[in-house]
Structures are given as C-alpha cells and as structure tokens.
C-alpha cells in the first residue's frame, strides 16, 4: 500500500535570503543626481573659459575695446537690461515661429518624399539645391519682398532650419523595420494607422536629432535676417554695437544670443525625453552596464 504525504510549506529560513528592494530609478533624488553628473563637465569648461577671459582682461593682454572685462559686460547688461530684454524677445519670437514652421513643413515634406517616389525624384534635388545657396545672399531679396518687419526674418529662419528636419525625418521614416510594416499590412491596417502607430513613432529618434540641430540654426537665421534690414532684435543691436565699437554691449548681445539657442535646445531635449523615453539613447547607463 502506497501512502502519500501532503506537501508541507517550506519554512521561511529555508527559502534563502529575500531579494533586496531598490529605489525606483525615476525618483526626484536620482534625477537630481543624474542631472548633476551630466552637467558638471560643461559647467567646469564654462568656468575655465570665464577664468581665462577674466585673466586676459585683467592682465590687459588684449585691448579693452576688443575684449572687455566680464565686469564691464555685466555692468552693460545691468544698465541696458530693458533694451536688451526687448530685443531678446523679438529675436526669440522670430526663432520660435521659424522653427515651428520649419518643423511642420519639414515633416510634411518628408512624409511626401517617403510615400511618393515621383515627389522624391522631383523635389529632393530642388531641396538640396536650395540648401546650398548661401542664406545671407537670400536675405536682401526677402527684405525687398516682405519689407523690414518680422516676416523676412521668420522666412530666413525657416529656410535654414528646414533642411535638417527633412533629412532626419526621411531617414527616420525609412529606417522602420520592414517586418513590422509587412505585419501591419497583413493584419489589414490602413496606411494612416500604420503611419501613426509604426512609422512615425519609429522615426522619432532621428527626427528629434534633426530638430535639435534645426532649433539652433533657426537662431542663426533670425539673426542673419536682422543683419540685413531691421530696427529691432539682437542682430540689430549687434550691428549698432559693432559700429560704435561698444565691446561690452557686443559681448552682452552675443551672450544673450547663445542663451536663446541653449534654452531652446534644452526644451527640445526635454521634449525628446518625454516622447521617446523607451529609446536606447535615453538610457545613458546601458553601455556602461554591458561593459
């Protein structure tokens, strides 16, 4: 006669050590540490450059009308802050509007080029031809066409920022796994649904890279447009400071231009983190963990 014994539960001591729980990677403390780890190097470089600038001005290695001291630049920014703020807002508005238009038109053009072979063969060479034309040569024509308002600056910002958006969007839309597209067609998905669910999300990593390049180029386009013909904007202030040999105002203007580009770049970077947190480029510790 065979007897069976009921299975007894394993005592806690025999189960081995319990796994240790770790804090989630997305806590505010871990994010702050990550931000500090990523930002201390550029901050150190900026401090070193600032120290070098201060030393050159303090020792008068270069005439003050060429390289002013940081104190003189700070005094100019404090004395003329209202005027600089007004012109900074004008350039920022031109840059943002030009960048948004370039992004929308560029993505639409990329979709057209990817989905239509005729459009690709007809328009892509023209887009490349338009890109190699020096934009500073187009600026006077835009002033003649649109006047001295904000329109020619916005158009020039669009023309400069348009090309990287198109190239990155086309590359991203074409880099989608063909097997996913075949599976989508097999399951009867429409072209719009395939684009919305597969093609566009798959193209976002490369598209965001192009947008980060485009947003900095949009600043250049707006300033170049202000060089040719304007009565407002940081480009206009730069021309005035250069004509009057006002080096402190010139340096203050350059700092504000750089801040516009850096802030807009950071905003696009934040947007990238929100849209594609799943991408490998957003997991900075992945490469270190696999070494």
C-alpha atoms as a PDB file:
ATOM      1  CA  UNK A   1       0.000   0.000   0.000  1.00  0.00           C
ATOM      2  CA  UNK A   2       1.484   3.307  -1.102  1.00  0.00           C
ATOM      3  CA  UNK A   3       0.995   6.267   1.166  1.00  0.00           C
ATOM      4  CA  UNK A   4       1.261   9.809   0.026  1.00  0.00           C
ATOM      5  CA  UNK A   5       2.346  12.657   2.216  1.00  0.00           C
ATOM      6  CA  UNK A   6       0.932  16.084   1.918  1.00  0.00           C
ATOM      7  CA  UNK A   7       3.379  18.738   0.756  1.00  0.00           C
ATOM      8  CA  UNK A   8       4.495  20.846   3.658  1.00  0.00           C
ATOM      9  CA  UNK A   9       5.194  24.531   3.144  1.00  0.00           C
ATOM     10  CA  UNK A  10       8.847  25.433   3.135  1.00  0.00           C
ATOM     11  CA  UNK A  11       9.829  27.400   6.236  1.00  0.00           C
ATOM     12  CA  UNK A  12      10.980  30.983   5.651  1.00  0.00           C
ATOM     13  CA  UNK A  13      14.504  30.180   6.876  1.00  0.00           C
ATOM     14  CA  UNK A  14      14.964  27.581   4.131  1.00  0.00           C
ATOM     15  CA  UNK A  15      13.848  29.797   1.292  1.00  0.00           C
ATOM     16  CA  UNK A  16      17.066  31.758   1.180  1.00  0.00           C
ATOM     17  CA  UNK A  17      17.528  35.475   1.585  1.00  0.00           C
ATOM     18  CA  UNK A  18      14.749  37.688   0.404  1.00  0.00           C
ATOM     19  CA  UNK A  19      15.615  39.901  -2.586  1.00  0.00           C
ATOM     20  CA  UNK A  20      16.527  43.416  -1.628  1.00  0.00           C
ATOM     21  CA  UNK A  21      14.230  46.115  -2.887  1.00  0.00           C
ATOM     22  CA  UNK A  22      15.795  49.038  -4.688  1.00  0.00           C
ATOM     23  CA  UNK A  23      14.503  52.533  -5.099  1.00  0.00           C
ATOM     24  CA  UNK A  24      12.904  53.377  -8.388  1.00  0.00           C
ATOM     25  CA  UNK A  25      15.199  54.978 -10.911  1.00  0.00           C
ATOM     26  CA  UNK A  26      12.788  57.799 -11.555  1.00  0.00           C
ATOM     27  CA  UNK A  27      12.723  59.326  -8.067  1.00  0.00           C
ATOM     28  CA  UNK A  28      13.465  63.049  -7.748  1.00  0.00           C
ATOM     29  CA  UNK A  29      16.698  62.317  -5.881  1.00  0.00           C
ATOM     30  CA  UNK A  30      18.031  60.046  -8.594  1.00  0.00           C
ATOM     31  CA  UNK A  31      17.039  62.535 -11.287  1.00  0.00           C
ATOM     32  CA  UNK A  32      18.875  65.314  -9.468  1.00  0.00           C
ATOM     33  CA  UNK A  33      21.987  63.150  -9.171  1.00  0.00           C
ATOM     34  CA  UNK A  34      21.774  62.277 -12.851  1.00  0.00           C
ATOM     35  CA  UNK A  35      21.433  65.944 -13.765  1.00  0.00           C
ATOM     36  CA  UNK A  36      24.472  66.840 -11.661  1.00  0.00           C
ATOM     37  CA  UNK A  37      26.500  64.008 -13.156  1.00  0.00           C
ATOM     38  CA  UNK A  38      25.641  65.154 -16.677  1.00  0.00           C
ATOM     39  CA  UNK A  39      26.125  68.900 -16.126  1.00  0.00           C
ATOM     40  CA  UNK A  40      29.276  69.281 -14.052  1.00  0.00           C
ATOM     41  CA  UNK A  41      31.623  68.819 -17.011  1.00  0.00           C
ATOM     42  CA  UNK A  42      30.182  71.585 -19.236  1.00  0.00           C
ATOM     43  CA  UNK A  43      29.895  73.823 -16.172  1.00  0.00           C
ATOM     44  CA  UNK A  44      33.576  73.207 -15.411  1.00  0.00           C
ATOM     45  CA  UNK A  45      34.523  74.067 -19.011  1.00  0.00           C
ATOM     46  CA  UNK A  46      32.472  77.279 -18.863  1.00  0.00           C
ATOM     47  CA  UNK A  47      34.123  78.269 -15.594  1.00  0.00           C
ATOM     48  CA  UNK A  48      37.548  77.628 -17.094  1.00  0.00           C
ATOM     49  CA  UNK A  49      36.719  79.777 -20.135  1.00  0.00           C
ATOM     50  CA  UNK A  50      35.352  82.501 -17.880  1.00  0.00           C
ATOM     51  CA  UNK A  51      38.532  82.411 -15.789  1.00  0.00           C
ATOM     52  CA  UNK A  52      40.622  82.663 -18.958  1.00  0.00           C
ATOM     53  CA  UNK A  53      38.532  85.621 -20.160  1.00  0.00           C
ATOM     54  CA  UNK A  54      38.887  87.368 -16.801  1.00  0.00           C
ATOM     55  CA  UNK A  55      42.660  86.768 -16.761  1.00  0.00           C
ATOM     56  CA  UNK A  56      43.128  88.153 -20.285  1.00  0.00           C
ATOM     57  CA  UNK A  57      41.117  91.264 -19.439  1.00  0.00           C
ATOM     58  CA  UNK A  58      42.780  91.723 -16.040  1.00  0.00           C
ATOM     59  CA  UNK A  59      46.312  91.474 -17.441  1.00  0.00           C
ATOM     60  CA  UNK A  60      45.292  93.642 -20.431  1.00  0.00           C
ATOM     61  CA  UNK A  61      46.771  91.131 -22.854  1.00  0.00           C
ATOM     62  CA  UNK A  62      44.220  92.361 -25.405  1.00  0.00           C
ATOM     63  CA  UNK A  63      42.939  95.960 -25.685  1.00  0.00           C
ATOM     64  CA  UNK A  64      39.716  96.605 -23.803  1.00  0.00           C
ATOM     65  CA  UNK A  65      37.915  97.775 -26.940  1.00  0.00           C
ATOM     66  CA  UNK A  66      38.441  94.259 -28.358  1.00  0.00           C
ATOM     67  CA  UNK A  67      37.945  92.087 -25.266  1.00  0.00           C
ATOM     68  CA  UNK A  68      36.165  93.859 -22.402  1.00  0.00           C
ATOM     69  CA  UNK A  69      36.283  92.601 -18.853  1.00  0.00           C
ATOM     70  CA  UNK A  70      33.446  90.413 -17.501  1.00  0.00           C
ATOM     71  CA  UNK A  71      32.633  93.212 -15.052  1.00  0.00           C
ATOM     72  CA  UNK A  72      32.153  95.719 -17.857  1.00  0.00           C
ATOM     73  CA  UNK A  73      29.864  93.308 -19.697  1.00  0.00           C
ATOM     74  CA  UNK A  74      27.842  92.685 -16.532  1.00  0.00           C
ATOM     75  CA  UNK A  75      27.517  96.445 -15.935  1.00  0.00           C
ATOM     76  CA  UNK A  76      26.298  96.944 -19.502  1.00  0.00           C
ATOM     77  CA  UNK A  77      23.723  94.190 -19.153  1.00  0.00           C
ATOM     78  CA  UNK A  78      22.506  95.687 -15.874  1.00  0.00           C
ATOM     79  CA  UNK A  79      22.337  99.239 -17.239  1.00  0.00           C
ATOM     80  CA  UNK A  80      20.651  98.341 -20.547  1.00  0.00           C
ATOM     81  CA  UNK A  81      18.604  95.367 -19.364  1.00  0.00           C
ATOM     82  CA  UNK A  82      15.264  96.829 -20.502  1.00  0.00           C
ATOM     83  CA  UNK A  83      16.534  97.497 -24.017  1.00  0.00           C
ATOM     84  CA  UNK A  84      18.277  94.117 -24.256  1.00  0.00           C
ATOM     85  CA  UNK A  85      15.197  92.309 -22.943  1.00  0.00           C
ATOM     86  CA  UNK A  86      13.004  93.915 -25.591  1.00  0.00           C
ATOM     87  CA  UNK A  87      15.342  92.973 -28.445  1.00  0.00           C
ATOM     88  CA  UNK A  88      15.866  89.491 -26.988  1.00  0.00           C
ATOM     89  CA  UNK A  89      12.121  88.886 -27.018  1.00  0.00           C
ATOM     90  CA  UNK A  90      11.910  89.914 -30.688  1.00  0.00           C
ATOM     91  CA  UNK A  91      14.689  87.532 -31.739  1.00  0.00           C
ATOM     92  CA  UNK A  92      13.268  84.729 -29.590  1.00  0.00           C
ATOM     93  CA  UNK A  93       9.814  85.124 -31.136  1.00  0.00           C
ATOM     94  CA  UNK A  94      11.242  85.088 -34.670  1.00  0.00           C
ATOM     95  CA  UNK A  95      13.274  81.983 -33.830  1.00  0.00           C
ATOM     96  CA  UNK A  96      10.387  80.053 -32.287  1.00  0.00           C
ATOM     97  CA  UNK A  97       7.939  80.840 -35.096  1.00  0.00           C
ATOM     98  CA  UNK A  98      10.537  79.993 -37.742  1.00  0.00           C
ATOM     99  CA  UNK A  99      11.473  76.739 -36.008  1.00  0.00           C
ATOM    100  CA  UNK A 100       7.873  75.591 -35.584  1.00  0.00           C
ATOM    101  CA  UNK A 101       7.086  76.325 -39.237  1.00  0.00           C
ATOM    102  CA  UNK A 102      10.264  74.563 -40.356  1.00  0.00           C
ATOM    103  CA  UNK A 103       9.377  71.517 -38.246  1.00  0.00           C
ATOM    104  CA  UNK A 104       5.812  71.280 -39.570  1.00  0.00           C
ATOM    105  CA  UNK A 105       6.726  71.899 -43.217  1.00  0.00           C
ATOM    106  CA  UNK A 106       9.785  69.658 -42.969  1.00  0.00           C
ATOM    107  CA  UNK A 107       7.889  66.684 -41.549  1.00  0.00           C
ATOM    108  CA  UNK A 108       5.111  67.109 -44.123  1.00  0.00           C
ATOM    109  CA  UNK A 109       7.675  67.247 -46.933  1.00  0.00           C
ATOM    110  CA  UNK A 110       9.437  64.153 -45.562  1.00  0.00           C
ATOM    111  CA  UNK A 111       6.184  62.196 -45.490  1.00  0.00           C
ATOM    112  CA  UNK A 112       5.511  63.209 -49.086  1.00  0.00           C
ATOM    113  CA  UNK A 113       9.005  62.173 -50.182  1.00  0.00           C
ATOM    114  CA  UNK A 114       8.789  58.804 -48.432  1.00  0.00           C
ATOM    115  CA  UNK A 115       5.332  57.858 -49.690  1.00  0.00           C
ATOM    116  CA  UNK A 116       5.717  59.163 -53.258  1.00  0.00           C
ATOM    117  CA  UNK A 117       8.602  58.126 -55.496  1.00  0.00           C
ATOM    118  CA  UNK A 118       7.594  60.793 -58.011  1.00  0.00           C
ATOM    119  CA  UNK A 119       7.778  63.521 -55.387  1.00  0.00           C
ATOM    120  CA  UNK A 120      11.123  62.217 -54.180  1.00  0.00           C
ATOM    121  CA  UNK A 121      12.689  62.299 -57.651  1.00  0.00           C
ATOM    122  CA  UNK A 122      11.175  65.705 -58.401  1.00  0.00           C
ATOM    123  CA  UNK A 123      11.563  67.631 -55.149  1.00  0.00           C
ATOM    124  CA  UNK A 124      14.565  66.193 -53.324  1.00  0.00           C
ATOM    125  CA  UNK A 125      17.142  67.618 -55.774  1.00  0.00           C
ATOM    126  CA  UNK A 126      15.442  71.022 -55.534  1.00  0.00           C
ATOM    127  CA  UNK A 127      15.567  70.901 -51.727  1.00  0.00           C
ATOM    128  CA  UNK A 128      19.269  70.107 -51.857  1.00  0.00           C
ATOM    129  CA  UNK A 129      19.859  72.909 -54.374  1.00  0.00           C
ATOM    130  CA  UNK A 130      18.036  75.395 -52.142  1.00  0.00           C
ATOM    131  CA  UNK A 131      20.114  74.332 -49.148  1.00  0.00           C
ATOM    132  CA  UNK A 132      23.500  75.021 -50.766  1.00  0.00           C
ATOM    133  CA  UNK A 133      22.540  78.607 -51.645  1.00  0.00           C
ATOM    134  CA  UNK A 134      24.105  80.985 -49.057  1.00  0.00           C
ATOM    135  CA  UNK A 135      21.247  82.313 -46.968  1.00  0.00           C
ATOM    136  CA  UNK A 136      22.963  85.653 -46.467  1.00  0.00           C
ATOM    137  CA  UNK A 137      22.523  86.156 -50.236  1.00  0.00           C
ATOM    138  CA  UNK A 138      18.791  85.487 -49.973  1.00  0.00           C
ATOM    139  CA  UNK A 139      18.220  87.888 -47.076  1.00  0.00           C
ATOM    140  CA  UNK A 140      18.236  91.118 -49.155  1.00  0.00           C
ATOM    141  CA  UNK A 141      15.725  89.593 -51.573  1.00  0.00           C
ATOM    142  CA  UNK A 142      13.440  88.682 -48.677  1.00  0.00           C
ATOM    143  CA  UNK A 143      13.653  92.234 -47.353  1.00  0.00           C
ATOM    144  CA  UNK A 144      12.654  93.585 -50.781  1.00  0.00           C
ATOM    145  CA  UNK A 145       9.739  91.149 -50.960  1.00  0.00           C
ATOM    146  CA  UNK A 146       8.420  91.315 -47.384  1.00  0.00           C
ATOM    147  CA  UNK A 147       9.729  94.610 -46.000  1.00  0.00           C
ATOM    148  CA  UNK A 148      11.553  95.328 -42.750  1.00  0.00           C
ATOM    149  CA  UNK A 149       9.163  93.595 -40.380  1.00  0.00           C
ATOM    150  CA  UNK A 150       9.421  90.161 -38.780  1.00  0.00           C
ATOM    151  CA  UNK A 151       8.332  88.247 -41.876  1.00  0.00           C
ATOM    152  CA  UNK A 152      11.701  88.109 -43.716  1.00  0.00           C
ATOM    153  CA  UNK A 153      13.477  87.008 -40.505  1.00  0.00           C
ATOM    154  CA  UNK A 154      10.976  84.227 -39.944  1.00  0.00           C
ATOM    155  CA  UNK A 155      11.214  83.098 -43.562  1.00  0.00           C
ATOM    156  CA  UNK A 156      15.007  83.013 -43.349  1.00  0.00           C
ATOM    157  CA  UNK A 157      14.845  81.017 -40.112  1.00  0.00           C
ATOM    158  CA  UNK A 158      12.522  78.550 -41.844  1.00  0.00           C
ATOM    159  CA  UNK A 159      14.850  78.203 -44.830  1.00  0.00           C
ATOM    160  CA  UNK A 160      17.875  77.494 -42.642  1.00  0.00           C
ATOM    161  CA  UNK A 161      16.120  75.112 -40.206  1.00  0.00           C
ATOM    162  CA  UNK A 162      14.096  73.283 -42.865  1.00  0.00           C
ATOM    163  CA  UNK A 163      16.811  71.056 -44.341  1.00  0.00           C
ATOM    164  CA  UNK A 164      17.925  69.120 -41.212  1.00  0.00           C
ATOM    165  CA  UNK A 165      14.288  68.415 -40.360  1.00  0.00           C
ATOM    166  CA  UNK A 166      13.596  66.967 -43.814  1.00  0.00           C
ATOM    167  CA  UNK A 167      16.750  64.851 -43.922  1.00  0.00           C
ATOM    168  CA  UNK A 168      16.307  63.414 -40.430  1.00  0.00           C
ATOM    169  CA  UNK A 169      12.588  62.763 -40.914  1.00  0.00           C
ATOM    170  CA  UNK A 170      13.149  60.983 -44.241  1.00  0.00           C
ATOM    171  CA  UNK A 171      15.905  58.845 -42.726  1.00  0.00           C
ATOM    172  CA  UNK A 172      13.730  58.004 -39.729  1.00  0.00           C
ATOM    173  CA  UNK A 173      10.645  57.097 -41.741  1.00  0.00           C
ATOM    174  CA  UNK A 174      12.721  54.814 -43.974  1.00  0.00           C
ATOM    175  CA  UNK A 175      14.518  53.103 -41.103  1.00  0.00           C
ATOM    176  CA  UNK A 176      11.397  51.371 -39.781  1.00  0.00           C
ATOM    177  CA  UNK A 177      11.683  47.577 -39.652  1.00  0.00           C
ATOM    178  CA  UNK A 178      10.132  46.187 -42.890  1.00  0.00           C
ATOM    179  CA  UNK A 179       8.796  43.186 -40.982  1.00  0.00           C
ATOM    180  CA  UNK A 180       6.656  45.476 -38.856  1.00  0.00           C
ATOM    181  CA  UNK A 181       5.253  47.107 -41.975  1.00  0.00           C
ATOM    182  CA  UNK A 182       4.507  43.703 -43.528  1.00  0.00           C
ATOM    183  CA  UNK A 183       2.806  42.517 -40.352  1.00  0.00           C
ATOM    184  CA  UNK A 184       0.736  45.688 -40.254  1.00  0.00           C
ATOM    185  CA  UNK A 185      -0.348  45.175 -43.877  1.00  0.00           C
ATOM    186  CA  UNK A 186      -1.150  41.528 -43.182  1.00  0.00           C
ATOM    187  CA  UNK A 187      -3.386  42.500 -40.281  1.00  0.00           C
ATOM    188  CA  UNK A 188      -5.277  44.896 -42.530  1.00  0.00           C
ATOM    189  CA  UNK A 189      -4.141  48.190 -41.011  1.00  0.00           C
ATOM    190  CA  UNK A 190      -4.670  51.281 -43.120  1.00  0.00           C
ATOM    191  CA  UNK A 191      -1.770  53.429 -44.309  1.00  0.00           C
ATOM    192  CA  UNK A 192      -2.745  56.163 -41.864  1.00  0.00           C
ATOM    193  CA  UNK A 193      -2.890  53.766 -38.932  1.00  0.00           C
ATOM    194  CA  UNK A 194       0.440  52.211 -39.938  1.00  0.00           C
ATOM    195  CA  UNK A 195       1.985  55.665 -40.097  1.00  0.00           C
ATOM    196  CA  UNK A 196       0.530  56.721 -36.743  1.00  0.00           C
ATOM    197  CA  UNK A 197       1.331  53.519 -34.873  1.00  0.00           C
ATOM    198  CA  UNK A 198       4.562  52.295 -36.501  1.00  0.00           C
ATOM    199  CA  UNK A 199       6.288  54.656 -38.932  1.00  0.00           C
ATOM    200  CA  UNK A 200       6.102  57.942 -37.042  1.00  0.00           C
ATOM    201  CA  UNK A 201       6.990  56.556 -33.578  1.00  0.00           C
ATOM    202  CA  UNK A 202       9.879  54.638 -35.141  1.00  0.00           C
ATOM    203  CA  UNK A 203      11.133  57.793 -36.854  1.00  0.00           C
ATOM    204  CA  UNK A 204      11.051  59.935 -33.696  1.00  0.00           C
ATOM    205  CA  UNK A 205      14.651  59.257 -32.535  1.00  0.00           C
ATOM    206  CA  UNK A 206      16.178  60.521 -35.778  1.00  0.00           C
ATOM    207  CA  UNK A 207      13.585  63.266 -36.143  1.00  0.00           C
ATOM    208  CA  UNK A 208      14.369  64.640 -32.679  1.00  0.00           C
ATOM    209  CA  UNK A 209      18.063  64.719 -33.552  1.00  0.00           C
ATOM    210  CA  UNK A 210      17.232  66.818 -36.605  1.00  0.00           C
ATOM    211  CA  UNK A 211      15.018  69.120 -34.555  1.00  0.00           C
ATOM    212  CA  UNK A 212      17.820  69.789 -32.079  1.00  0.00           C
ATOM    213  CA  UNK A 213      20.040  70.866 -34.955  1.00  0.00           C
ATOM    214  CA  UNK A 214      17.260  72.898 -36.546  1.00  0.00           C
ATOM    215  CA  UNK A 215      16.397  74.887 -33.418  1.00  0.00           C
ATOM    216  CA  UNK A 216      19.947  76.217 -33.146  1.00  0.00           C
ATOM    217  CA  UNK A 217      20.042  77.036 -36.857  1.00  0.00           C
ATOM    218  CA  UNK A 218      16.767  78.935 -36.510  1.00  0.00           C
ATOM    219  CA  UNK A 219      18.523  81.369 -34.168  1.00  0.00           C
ATOM    220  CA  UNK A 220      21.176  81.920 -36.829  1.00  0.00           C
ATOM    221  CA  UNK A 221      18.512  82.531 -39.473  1.00  0.00           C
ATOM    222  CA  UNK A 222      16.689  85.107 -37.370  1.00  0.00           C
ATOM    223  CA  UNK A 223      19.896  86.994 -36.535  1.00  0.00           C
ATOM    224  CA  UNK A 224      21.114  86.951 -40.150  1.00  0.00           C
ATOM    225  CA  UNK A 225      17.779  88.399 -41.229  1.00  0.00           C
ATOM    226  CA  UNK A 226      18.180  91.173 -38.650  1.00  0.00           C
ATOM    227  CA  UNK A 227      21.633  91.951 -40.025  1.00  0.00           C
ATOM    228  CA  UNK A 228      20.252  92.845 -43.450  1.00  0.00           C
ATOM    229  CA  UNK A 229      17.332  95.025 -42.531  1.00  0.00           C
ATOM    230  CA  UNK A 230      15.746  95.520 -39.114  1.00  0.00           C
ATOM    231  CA  UNK A 231      15.166  98.076 -36.417  1.00  0.00           C
ATOM    232  CA  UNK A 232      14.661  95.528 -33.630  1.00  0.00           C
ATOM    233  CA  UNK A 233      16.276  92.319 -32.484  1.00  0.00           C
ATOM    234  CA  UNK A 234      19.656  91.189 -31.202  1.00  0.00           C
ATOM    235  CA  UNK A 235      21.116  91.254 -34.712  1.00  0.00           C
ATOM    236  CA  UNK A 236      20.221  94.926 -34.952  1.00  0.00           C
ATOM    237  CA  UNK A 237      21.827  95.583 -31.554  1.00  0.00           C
ATOM    238  CA  UNK A 238      24.923  93.701 -32.691  1.00  0.00           C
ATOM    239  CA  UNK A 239      25.290  95.964 -35.706  1.00  0.00           C
ATOM    240  CA  UNK A 240      24.889  99.073 -33.536  1.00  0.00           C
ATOM    241  CA  UNK A 241      27.461  97.869 -31.013  1.00  0.00           C
ATOM    242  CA  UNK A 242      29.894  96.937 -33.768  1.00  0.00           C
ATOM    243  CA  UNK A 243      29.516 100.314 -35.482  1.00  0.00           C
ATOM    244  CA  UNK A 244      30.074 102.192 -32.211  1.00  0.00           C
ATOM    245  CA  UNK A 245      32.960  99.918 -31.106  1.00  0.00           C
ATOM    246  CA  UNK A 246      30.969  99.192 -27.946  1.00  0.00           C
ATOM    247  CA  UNK A 247      32.657  95.923 -26.964  1.00  0.00           C
ATOM    248  CA  UNK A 248      30.743  95.386 -23.669  1.00  0.00           C
ATOM    249  CA  UNK A 249      27.399  95.705 -25.442  1.00  0.00           C
ATOM    250  CA  UNK A 250      28.696  93.468 -28.234  1.00  0.00           C
ATOM    251  CA  UNK A 251      29.664  90.724 -25.786  1.00  0.00           C
ATOM    252  CA  UNK A 252      26.399  91.083 -23.860  1.00  0.00           C
ATOM    253  CA  UNK A 253      24.484  90.690 -27.101  1.00  0.00           C
ATOM    254  CA  UNK A 254      26.464  87.569 -28.029  1.00  0.00           C
ATOM    255  CA  UNK A 255      25.795  86.048 -24.608  1.00  0.00           C
ATOM    256  CA  UNK A 256      22.057  86.605 -24.994  1.00  0.00           C
ATOM    257  CA  UNK A 257      22.090  85.025 -28.464  1.00  0.00           C
ATOM    258  CA  UNK A 258      23.862  81.986 -27.067  1.00  0.00           C
ATOM    259  CA  UNK A 259      21.375  81.739 -24.196  1.00  0.00           C
ATOM    260  CA  UNK A 260      18.458  81.708 -26.635  1.00  0.00           C
ATOM    261  CA  UNK A 261      19.964  78.807 -28.557  1.00  0.00           C
ATOM    262  CA  UNK A 262      20.876  76.865 -25.410  1.00  0.00           C
ATOM    263  CA  UNK A 263      17.442  77.294 -23.789  1.00  0.00           C
ATOM    264  CA  UNK A 264      15.599  76.238 -26.950  1.00  0.00           C
ATOM    265  CA  UNK A 265      17.929  73.256 -27.384  1.00  0.00           C
ATOM    266  CA  UNK A 266      17.236  72.168 -23.800  1.00  0.00           C
ATOM    267  CA  UNK A 267      13.480  72.475 -24.386  1.00  0.00           C
ATOM    268  CA  UNK A 268      13.721  70.197 -27.432  1.00  0.00           C
ATOM    269  CA  UNK A 269      15.847  67.806 -25.360  1.00  0.00           C
ATOM    270  CA  UNK A 270      13.137  67.705 -22.685  1.00  0.00           C
ATOM    271  CA  UNK A 271      10.530  67.067 -25.375  1.00  0.00           C
ATOM    272  CA  UNK A 272      12.648  64.189 -26.649  1.00  0.00           C
ATOM    273  CA  UNK A 273      12.802  62.662 -23.174  1.00  0.00           C
ATOM    274  CA  UNK A 274       9.016  62.845 -22.925  1.00  0.00           C
ATOM    275  CA  UNK A 275       8.299  61.427 -26.382  1.00  0.00           C
ATOM    276  CA  UNK A 276      10.839  58.585 -26.580  1.00  0.00           C
ATOM    277  CA  UNK A 277      11.808  57.517 -23.057  1.00  0.00           C
ATOM    278  CA  UNK A 278      11.993  53.950 -24.382  1.00  0.00           C
ATOM    279  CA  UNK A 279      14.806  54.627 -26.862  1.00  0.00           C
ATOM    280  CA  UNK A 280      18.344  53.390 -26.180  1.00  0.00           C
ATOM    281  CA  UNK A 281      19.739  56.921 -26.465  1.00  0.00           C
ATOM    282  CA  UNK A 282      17.755  57.894 -23.361  1.00  0.00           C
ATOM    283  CA  UNK A 283      19.300  55.083 -21.270  1.00  0.00           C
ATOM    284  CA  UNK A 284      22.713  56.542 -20.622  1.00  0.00           C
ATOM    285  CA  UNK A 285      23.882  53.731 -18.325  1.00  0.00           C
ATOM    286  CA  UNK A 286      23.116  50.959 -20.796  1.00  0.00           C
ATOM    287  CA  UNK A 287      26.532  50.962 -22.439  1.00  0.00           C
ATOM    288  CA  UNK A 288      28.327  51.069 -19.098  1.00  0.00           C
ATOM    289  CA  UNK A 289      26.242  48.206 -17.745  1.00  0.00           C
ATOM    290  CA  UNK A 290      27.138  45.947 -20.663  1.00  0.00           C
ATOM    291  CA  UNK A 291      30.903  46.545 -20.494  1.00  0.00           C
END
